[in-house]
Amino acid sequence: KLPAVVAINEFPTDTQAEVELVRTKCKELGVNV
């Protein structure tokens, strides 16, 4: 029962599309990235 944020520890090989996919899925649970 705690508020949470997902921190993506970014790697140089991460693409914008990949980051946005994680962000979208987390927002569906009410959690920001």
PDB file of all heavy atoms in Angstrom:
ATOM      1  N   LYS A   1       0.808  -1.214   0.000  1.00  0.00           N
ATOM      2  CA  LYS A   1       0.000   0.000   0.000  1.00  0.00           C
ATOM      3  C   LYS A   1       0.847   1.273   0.000  1.00  0.00           C
ATOM      4  O   LYS A   1       0.546   2.246   0.695  1.00  0.00           O
ATOM      5  CB  LYS A   1      -0.935   0.018   1.226  1.00  0.00           C
ATOM      6  CG  LYS A   1      -1.777  -1.227   1.401  1.00  0.00           C
ATOM      7  CD  LYS A   1      -2.805  -1.392   0.302  1.00  0.00           C
ATOM      8  CE  LYS A   1      -3.734  -2.563   0.579  1.00  0.00           C
ATOM      9  NZ  LYS A   1      -4.735  -2.787  -0.470  1.00  0.00           N
ATOM     10  N   LEU A   2       1.904   1.284  -0.804  1.00  0.00           N
ATOM     11  CA  LEU A   2       2.789   2.439  -0.892  1.00  0.00           C
ATOM     12  C   LEU A   2       2.790   3.020  -2.305  1.00  0.00           C
ATOM     13  O   LEU A   2       2.686   2.281  -3.279  1.00  0.00           O
ATOM     14  CB  LEU A   2       4.224   2.048  -0.519  1.00  0.00           C
ATOM     15  CG  LEU A   2       4.499   1.790   0.957  1.00  0.00           C
ATOM     16  CD1 LEU A   2       5.871   1.139   1.131  1.00  0.00           C
ATOM     17  CD2 LEU A   2       4.422   3.082   1.765  1.00  0.00           C
ATOM     18  N   PRO A   3       2.939   4.341  -2.429  1.00  0.00           N
ATOM     19  CA  PRO A   3       3.106   4.930  -3.761  1.00  0.00           C
ATOM     20  C   PRO A   3       4.473   4.561  -4.310  1.00  0.00           C
ATOM     21  O   PRO A   3       5.438   4.406  -3.557  1.00  0.00           O
ATOM     22  CB  PRO A   3       2.977   6.433  -3.509  1.00  0.00           C
ATOM     23  CG  PRO A   3       3.361   6.613  -2.077  1.00  0.00           C
ATOM     24  CD  PRO A   3       2.914   5.368  -1.367  1.00  0.00           C
ATOM     25  N   ALA A   4       4.574   4.425  -5.627  1.00  0.00           N
ATOM     26  CA  ALA A   4       5.827   3.981  -6.231  1.00  0.00           C
ATOM     27  C   ALA A   4       6.076   4.688  -7.554  1.00  0.00           C
ATOM     28  O   ALA A   4       5.151   5.168  -8.211  1.00  0.00           O
ATOM     29  CB  ALA A   4       5.805   2.468  -6.452  1.00  0.00           C
ATOM     30  N   VAL A   5       7.331   4.757  -7.917  1.00  0.00           N
ATOM     31  CA  VAL A   5       7.752   5.224  -9.229  1.00  0.00           C
ATOM     32  C   VAL A   5       8.696   4.171  -9.795  1.00  0.00           C
ATOM     33  O   VAL A   5       9.504   3.590  -9.059  1.00  0.00           O
ATOM     34  CB  VAL A   5       8.450   6.599  -9.157  1.00  0.00           C
ATOM     35  CG1 VAL A   5       9.608   6.588  -8.172  1.00  0.00           C
ATOM     36  CG2 VAL A   5       8.948   7.022 -10.541  1.00  0.00           C
ATOM     37  N   VAL A   6       8.596   3.902 -11.082  1.00  0.00           N
ATOM     38  CA  VAL A   6       9.530   2.998 -11.752  1.00  0.00           C
ATOM     39  C   VAL A   6      10.651   3.837 -12.345  1.00  0.00           C
ATOM     40  O   VAL A   6      10.410   4.732 -13.155  1.00  0.00           O
ATOM     41  CB  VAL A   6       8.841   2.184 -12.864  1.00  0.00           C
ATOM     42  CG1 VAL A   6       9.871   1.426 -13.692  1.00  0.00           C
ATOM     43  CG2 VAL A   6       7.839   1.214 -12.258  1.00  0.00           C
ATOM     44  N   ALA A   7      11.866   3.576 -11.910  1.00  0.00           N
ATOM     45  CA  ALA A   7      13.038   4.264 -12.440  1.00  0.00           C
ATOM     46  C   ALA A   7      13.715   3.364 -13.455  1.00  0.00           C
ATOM     47  O   ALA A   7      14.170   2.271 -13.118  1.00  0.00           O
ATOM     48  CB  ALA A   7      14.021   4.622 -11.319  1.00  0.00           C
ATOM     49  N   ILE A   8      13.758   3.806 -14.695  1.00  0.00           N
ATOM     50  CA  ILE A   8      14.462   3.038 -15.721  1.00  0.00           C
ATOM     51  C   ILE A   8      15.921   3.460 -15.708  1.00  0.00           C
ATOM     52  O   ILE A   8      16.259   4.597 -16.037  1.00  0.00           O
ATOM     53  CB  ILE A   8      13.861   3.268 -17.115  1.00  0.00           C
ATOM     54  CG1 ILE A   8      12.410   2.778 -17.161  1.00  0.00           C
ATOM     55  CG2 ILE A   8      14.700   2.545 -18.178  1.00  0.00           C
ATOM     56  CD1 ILE A   8      11.757   2.952 -18.511  1.00  0.00           C
ATOM     57  N   ASN A   9      16.775   2.571 -15.293  1.00  0.00           N
ATOM     58  CA  ASN A   9      18.216   2.828 -15.296  1.00  0.00           C
ATOM     59  C   ASN A   9      18.678   2.700 -16.751  1.00  0.00           C
ATOM     60  O   ASN A   9      18.909   1.611 -17.246  1.00  0.00           O
ATOM     61  CB  ASN A   9      18.923   1.819 -14.400  1.00  0.00           C
ATOM     62  CG  ASN A   9      20.314   2.263 -14.011  1.00  0.00           C
ATOM     63  OD1 ASN A   9      20.720   3.385 -14.304  1.00  0.00           O
ATOM     64  ND2 ASN A   9      21.045   1.392 -13.346  1.00  0.00           N
ATOM     65  N   GLU A  10      18.772   3.823 -17.431  1.00  0.00           N
ATOM     66  CA  GLU A  10      18.916   3.835 -18.891  1.00  0.00           C
ATOM     67  C   GLU A  10      20.290   3.371 -19.362  1.00  0.00           C
ATOM     68  O   GLU A  10      21.312   3.748 -18.793  1.00  0.00           O
ATOM     69  CB  GLU A  10      18.639   5.239 -19.435  1.00  0.00           C
ATOM     70  CG  GLU A  10      18.548   5.287 -20.944  1.00  0.00           C
ATOM     71  CD  GLU A  10      18.304   6.708 -21.450  1.00  0.00           C
ATOM     72  OE1 GLU A  10      18.936   7.646 -20.927  1.00  0.00           O
ATOM     73  OE2 GLU A  10      17.490   6.863 -22.364  1.00  0.00           O
ATOM     74  N   PHE A  11      20.277   2.568 -20.420  1.00  0.00           N
ATOM     75  CA  PHE A  11      21.492   2.146 -21.109  1.00  0.00           C
ATOM     76  C   PHE A  11      21.545   2.859 -22.463  1.00  0.00           C
ATOM     77  O   PHE A  11      20.500   3.208 -23.031  1.00  0.00           O
ATOM     78  CB  PHE A  11      21.486   0.632 -21.332  1.00  0.00           C
ATOM     79  CG  PHE A  11      21.858  -0.172 -20.120  1.00  0.00           C
ATOM     80  CD1 PHE A  11      21.014  -0.219 -19.010  1.00  0.00           C
ATOM     81  CD2 PHE A  11      23.041  -0.881 -20.072  1.00  0.00           C
ATOM     82  CE1 PHE A  11      21.351  -0.954 -17.891  1.00  0.00           C
ATOM     83  CE2 PHE A  11      23.396  -1.622 -18.959  1.00  0.00           C
ATOM     84  CZ  PHE A  11      22.544  -1.662 -17.866  1.00  0.00           C
ATOM     85  N   PRO A  12      22.741   3.069 -23.012  1.00  0.00           N
ATOM     86  CA  PRO A  12      22.848   3.747 -24.310  1.00  0.00           C
ATOM     87  C   PRO A  12      22.104   3.028 -25.431  1.00  0.00           C
ATOM     88  O   PRO A  12      21.712   3.663 -26.414  1.00  0.00           O
ATOM     89  CB  PRO A  12      24.363   3.758 -24.583  1.00  0.00           C
ATOM     90  CG  PRO A  12      25.002   3.636 -23.244  1.00  0.00           C
ATOM     91  CD  PRO A  12      24.073   2.783 -22.435  1.00  0.00           C
ATOM     92  N   THR A  13      21.901   1.714 -25.284  1.00  0.00           N
ATOM     93  CA  THR A  13      21.241   0.946 -26.343  1.00  0.00           C
ATOM     94  C   THR A  13      19.718   0.977 -26.244  1.00  0.00           C
ATOM     95  O   THR A  13      19.039   0.483 -27.143  1.00  0.00           O
ATOM     96  CB  THR A  13      21.719  -0.513 -26.298  1.00  0.00           C
ATOM     97  OG1 THR A  13      21.502  -1.041 -24.979  1.00  0.00           O
ATOM     98  CG2 THR A  13      23.207  -0.612 -26.634  1.00  0.00           C
ATOM     99  N   ASP A  14      19.177   1.532 -25.163  1.00  0.00           N
ATOM    100  CA  ASP A  14      17.715   1.622 -25.043  1.00  0.00           C
ATOM    101  C   ASP A  14      17.170   2.551 -26.117  1.00  0.00           C
ATOM    102  O   ASP A  14      17.715   3.637 -26.344  1.00  0.00           O
ATOM    103  CB  ASP A  14      17.311   2.156 -23.666  1.00  0.00           C
ATOM    104  CG  ASP A  14      17.719   1.228 -22.529  1.00  0.00           C
ATOM    105  OD1 ASP A  14      18.083   0.081 -22.806  1.00  0.00           O
ATOM    106  OD2 ASP A  14      17.657   1.676 -21.370  1.00  0.00           O
ATOM    107  N   THR A  15      16.075   2.166 -26.756  1.00  0.00           N
ATOM    108  CA  THR A  15      15.474   3.029 -27.769  1.00  0.00           C
ATOM    109  C   THR A  15      14.269   3.761 -27.180  1.00  0.00           C
ATOM    110  O   THR A  15      13.703   3.350 -26.162  1.00  0.00           O
ATOM    111  CB  THR A  15      15.009   2.213 -28.991  1.00  0.00           C
ATOM    112  OG1 THR A  15      13.894   1.374 -28.613  1.00  0.00           O
ATOM    113  CG2 THR A  15      16.147   1.349 -29.526  1.00  0.00           C
ATOM    114  N   GLN A  16      13.891   4.838 -27.833  1.00  0.00           N
ATOM    115  CA  GLN A  16      12.743   5.621 -27.371  1.00  0.00           C
ATOM    116  C   GLN A  16      11.473   4.787 -27.356  1.00  0.00           C
ATOM    117  O   GLN A  16      10.646   4.887 -26.447  1.00  0.00           O
ATOM    118  CB  GLN A  16      12.554   6.853 -28.262  1.00  0.00           C
ATOM    119  CG  GLN A  16      11.476   7.825 -27.791  1.00  0.00           C
ATOM    120  CD  GLN A  16      11.817   8.475 -26.459  1.00  0.00           C
ATOM    121  OE1 GLN A  16      12.986   8.675 -26.145  1.00  0.00           O
ATOM    122  NE2 GLN A  16      10.798   8.804 -25.682  1.00  0.00           N
ATOM    123  N   ALA A  17      11.321   3.942 -28.366  1.00  0.00           N
ATOM    124  CA  ALA A  17      10.136   3.088 -28.443  1.00  0.00           C
ATOM    125  C   ALA A  17      10.077   2.123 -27.266  1.00  0.00           C
ATOM    126  O   ALA A  17       8.988   1.850 -26.726  1.00  0.00           O
ATOM    127  CB  ALA A  17      10.123   2.319 -29.759  1.00  0.00           C
ATOM    128  N   GLU A  18      11.219   1.593 -26.859  1.00  0.00           N
ATOM    129  CA  GLU A  18      11.254   0.669 -25.731  1.00  0.00           C
ATOM    130  C   GLU A  18      10.894   1.380 -24.429  1.00  0.00           C
ATOM    131  O   GLU A  18      10.106   0.874 -23.623  1.00  0.00           O
ATOM    132  CB  GLU A  18      12.637   0.023 -25.636  1.00  0.00           C
ATOM    133  CG  GLU A  18      12.932  -0.956 -26.763  1.00  0.00           C
ATOM    134  CD  GLU A  18      14.339  -1.507 -26.719  1.00  0.00           C
ATOM    135  OE1 GLU A  18      15.262  -0.763 -26.294  1.00  0.00           O
ATOM    136  OE2 GLU A  18      14.538  -2.669 -27.115  1.00  0.00           O
ATOM    137  N   VAL A  19      11.467   2.544 -24.223  1.00  0.00           N
ATOM    138  CA  VAL A  19      11.182   3.312 -23.002  1.00  0.00           C
ATOM    139  C   VAL A  19       9.704   3.685 -22.940  1.00  0.00           C
ATOM    140  O   VAL A  19       9.055   3.579 -21.887  1.00  0.00           O
ATOM    141  CB  VAL A  19      12.059   4.570 -22.932  1.00  0.00           C
ATOM    142  CG1 VAL A  19      11.628   5.470 -21.776  1.00  0.00           C
ATOM    143  CG2 VAL A  19      13.532   4.196 -22.789  1.00  0.00           C
ATOM    144  N   GLU A  20       9.142   4.100 -24.057  1.00  0.00           N
ATOM    145  CA  GLU A  20       7.735   4.502 -24.084  1.00  0.00           C
ATOM    146  C   GLU A  20       6.811   3.322 -23.832  1.00  0.00           C
ATOM    147  O   GLU A  20       5.743   3.477 -23.241  1.00  0.00           O
ATOM    148  CB  GLU A  20       7.404   5.170 -25.421  1.00  0.00           C
ATOM    149  CG  GLU A  20       8.003   6.558 -25.564  1.00  0.00           C
ATOM    150  CD  GLU A  20       7.640   7.468 -24.401  1.00  0.00           C
ATOM    151  OE1 GLU A  20       6.440   7.512 -24.027  1.00  0.00           O
ATOM    152  OE2 GLU A  20       8.553   8.128 -23.861  1.00  0.00           O
ATOM    153  N   LEU A  21       7.202   2.132 -24.278  1.00  0.00           N
ATOM    154  CA  LEU A  21       6.388   0.951 -24.025  1.00  0.00           C
ATOM    155  C   LEU A  21       6.325   0.665 -22.523  1.00  0.00           C
ATOM    156  O   LEU A  21       5.246   0.380 -21.984  1.00  0.00           O
ATOM    157  CB  LEU A  21       6.958  -0.261 -24.768  1.00  0.00           C
ATOM    158  CG  LEU A  21       6.223  -1.589 -24.558  1.00  0.00           C
ATOM    159  CD1 LEU A  21       4.743  -1.477 -24.924  1.00  0.00           C
ATOM    160  CD2 LEU A  21       6.885  -2.705 -25.361  1.00  0.00           C
ATOM    161  N   VAL A  22       7.469   0.738 -21.842  1.00  0.00           N
ATOM    162  CA  VAL A  22       7.495   0.538 -20.388  1.00  0.00           C
ATOM    163  C   VAL A  22       6.656   1.610 -19.697  1.00  0.00           C
ATOM    164  O   VAL A  22       5.872   1.335 -18.789  1.00  0.00           O
ATOM    165  CB  VAL A  22       8.937   0.564 -19.848  1.00  0.00           C
ATOM    166  CG1 VAL A  22       8.937   0.411 -18.320  1.00  0.00           C
ATOM    167  CG2 VAL A  22       9.768  -0.539 -20.480  1.00  0.00           C
ATOM    168  N   ARG A  23       6.796   2.851 -20.151  1.00  0.00           N
ATOM    169  CA  ARG A  23       6.053   3.964 -19.548  1.00  0.00           C
ATOM    170  C   ARG A  23       4.537   3.745 -19.683  1.00  0.00           C
ATOM    171  O   ARG A  23       3.785   3.948 -18.735  1.00  0.00           O
ATOM    172  CB  ARG A  23       6.468   5.274 -20.223  1.00  0.00           C
ATOM    173  CG  ARG A  23       6.036   6.528 -19.480  1.00  0.00           C
ATOM    174  CD  ARG A  23       6.387   7.770 -20.287  1.00  0.00           C
ATOM    175  NE  ARG A  23       7.806   7.885 -20.569  1.00  0.00           N
ATOM    176  CZ  ARG A  23       8.683   8.437 -19.743  1.00  0.00           C
ATOM    177  NH1 ARG A  23       8.282   8.911 -18.578  1.00  0.00           N
ATOM    178  NH2 ARG A  23       9.952   8.522 -20.087  1.00  0.00           N
ATOM    179  N   THR A  24       4.110   3.313 -20.855  1.00  0.00           N
ATOM    180  CA  THR A  24       2.679   3.099 -21.104  1.00  0.00           C
ATOM    181  C   THR A  24       2.122   2.000 -20.214  1.00  0.00           C
ATOM    182  O   THR A  24       1.048   2.144 -19.615  1.00  0.00           O
ATOM    183  CB  THR A  24       2.444   2.738 -22.582  1.00  0.00           C
ATOM    184  OG1 THR A  24       2.865   3.832 -23.403  1.00  0.00           O
ATOM    185  CG2 THR A  24       0.974   2.447 -22.849  1.00  0.00           C
ATOM    186  N   LYS A  25       2.835   0.880 -20.105  1.00  0.00           N
ATOM    187  CA  LYS A  25       2.360  -0.247 -19.313  1.00  0.00           C
ATOM    188  C   LYS A  25       2.289   0.105 -17.827  1.00  0.00           C
ATOM    189  O   LYS A  25       1.365  -0.329 -17.109  1.00  0.00           O
ATOM    190  CB  LYS A  25       3.261  -1.466 -19.522  1.00  0.00           C
ATOM    191  CG  LYS A  25       3.204  -2.046 -20.933  1.00  0.00           C
ATOM    192  CD  LYS A  25       1.816  -2.587 -21.247  1.00  0.00           C
ATOM    193  CE  LYS A  25       1.771  -3.237 -22.620  1.00  0.00           C
ATOM    194  NZ  LYS A  25       0.421  -3.780 -22.930  1.00  0.00           N
ATOM    195  N   CYS A  26       3.252   0.886 -17.342  1.00  0.00           N
ATOM    196  CA  CYS A  26       3.251   1.266 -15.928  1.00  0.00           C
ATOM    197  C   CYS A  26       2.126   2.246 -15.631  1.00  0.00           C
ATOM    198  O   CYS A  26       1.483   2.174 -14.576  1.00  0.00           O
ATOM    199  CB  CYS A  26       4.598   1.875 -15.537  1.00  0.00           C
ATOM    200  SG  CYS A  26       5.938   0.670 -15.472  1.00  0.00           S
ATOM    201  N   LYS A  27       1.859   3.152 -16.572  1.00  0.00           N
ATOM    202  CA  LYS A  27       0.789   4.124 -16.362  1.00  0.00           C
ATOM    203  C   LYS A  27      -0.572   3.446 -16.269  1.00  0.00           C
ATOM    204  O   LYS A  27      -1.484   3.951 -15.620  1.00  0.00           O
ATOM    205  CB  LYS A  27       0.792   5.160 -17.486  1.00  0.00           C
ATOM    206  CG  LYS A  27       1.838   6.258 -17.291  1.00  0.00           C
ATOM    207  CD  LYS A  27       1.634   7.407 -18.252  1.00  0.00           C
ATOM    208  CE  LYS A  27       2.595   8.555 -17.926  1.00  0.00           C
ATOM    209  NZ  LYS A  27       2.400   9.714 -18.826  1.00  0.00           N
ATOM    210  N   GLU A  28      -0.700   2.294 -16.922  1.00  0.00           N
ATOM    211  CA  GLU A  28      -1.954   1.545 -16.832  1.00  0.00           C
ATOM    212  C   GLU A  28      -2.225   1.083 -15.406  1.00  0.00           C
ATOM    213  O   GLU A  28      -3.365   0.833 -15.025  1.00  0.00           O
ATOM    214  CB  GLU A  28      -1.922   0.350 -17.787  1.00  0.00           C
ATOM    215  CG  GLU A  28      -1.970   0.756 -19.261  1.00  0.00           C
ATOM    216  CD  GLU A  28      -1.820  -0.427 -20.203  1.00  0.00           C
ATOM    217  OE1 GLU A  28      -1.671  -1.572 -19.704  1.00  0.00           O
ATOM    218  OE2 GLU A  28      -1.845  -0.222 -21.430  1.00  0.00           O
ATOM    219  N   LEU A  29      -1.157   0.966 -14.600  1.00  0.00           N
ATOM    220  CA  LEU A  29      -1.299   0.606 -13.187  1.00  0.00           C
ATOM    221  C   LEU A  29      -1.245   1.840 -12.288  1.00  0.00           C
ATOM    222  O   LEU A  29      -1.200   1.725 -11.059  1.00  0.00           O
ATOM    223  CB  LEU A  29      -0.196  -0.377 -12.773  1.00  0.00           C
ATOM    224  CG  LEU A  29      -0.330  -1.811 -13.285  1.00  0.00           C
ATOM    225  CD1 LEU A  29       0.829  -2.667 -12.784  1.00  0.00           C
ATOM    226  CD2 LEU A  29      -1.654  -2.433 -12.867  1.00  0.00           C
ATOM    227  N   GLY A  30      -1.231   3.016 -12.895  1.00  0.00           N
ATOM    228  CA  GLY A  30      -1.226   4.256 -12.126  1.00  0.00           C
ATOM    229  C   GLY A  30       0.121   4.656 -11.578  1.00  0.00           C
ATOM    230  O   GLY A  30       0.202   5.441 -10.627  1.00  0.00           O
ATOM    231  N   VAL A  31       1.196   4.138 -12.174  1.00  0.00           N
ATOM    232  CA  VAL A  31       2.554   4.433 -11.697  1.00  0.00           C
ATOM    233  C   VAL A  31       3.346   5.117 -12.798  1.00  0.00           C
ATOM    234  O   VAL A  31       3.343   4.668 -13.951  1.00  0.00           O
ATOM    235  CB  VAL A  31       3.276   3.135 -11.264  1.00  0.00           C
ATOM    236  CG1 VAL A  31       4.732   3.395 -10.932  1.00  0.00           C
ATOM    237  CG2 VAL A  31       2.558   2.521 -10.059  1.00  0.00           C
ATOM    238  N   ASN A  32       4.015   6.203 -12.457  1.00  0.00           N
ATOM    239  CA  ASN A  32       4.820   6.928 -13.427  1.00  0.00           C
ATOM    240  C   ASN A  32       6.194   6.293 -13.595  1.00  0.00           C
ATOM    241  O   ASN A  32       6.684   5.569 -12.722  1.00  0.00           O
ATOM    242  CB  ASN A  32       4.981   8.387 -13.002  1.00  0.00           C
ATOM    243  CG  ASN A  32       3.694   9.181 -13.162  1.00  0.00           C
ATOM    244  OD1 ASN A  32       2.884   8.888 -14.027  1.00  0.00           O
ATOM    245  ND2 ASN A  32       3.500  10.184 -12.316  1.00  0.00           N
ATOM    246  N   VAL A  33       6.821   6.598 -14.721  1.00  0.00           N
ATOM    247  CA  VAL A  33       8.173   6.131 -15.030  1.00  0.00           C
ATOM    248  C   VAL A  33       9.090   7.342 -15.146  1.00  0.00           C
ATOM    249  O   VAL A  33       8.725   8.354 -15.739  1.00  0.00           O
ATOM    250  CB  VAL A  33       8.197   5.334 -16.351  1.00  0.00           C
ATOM    251  CG1 VAL A  33       9.632   5.091 -16.809  1.00  0.00           C
ATOM    252  CG2 VAL A  33       7.477   4.005 -16.185  1.00  0.00           C
TER     253      VAL A  33
END
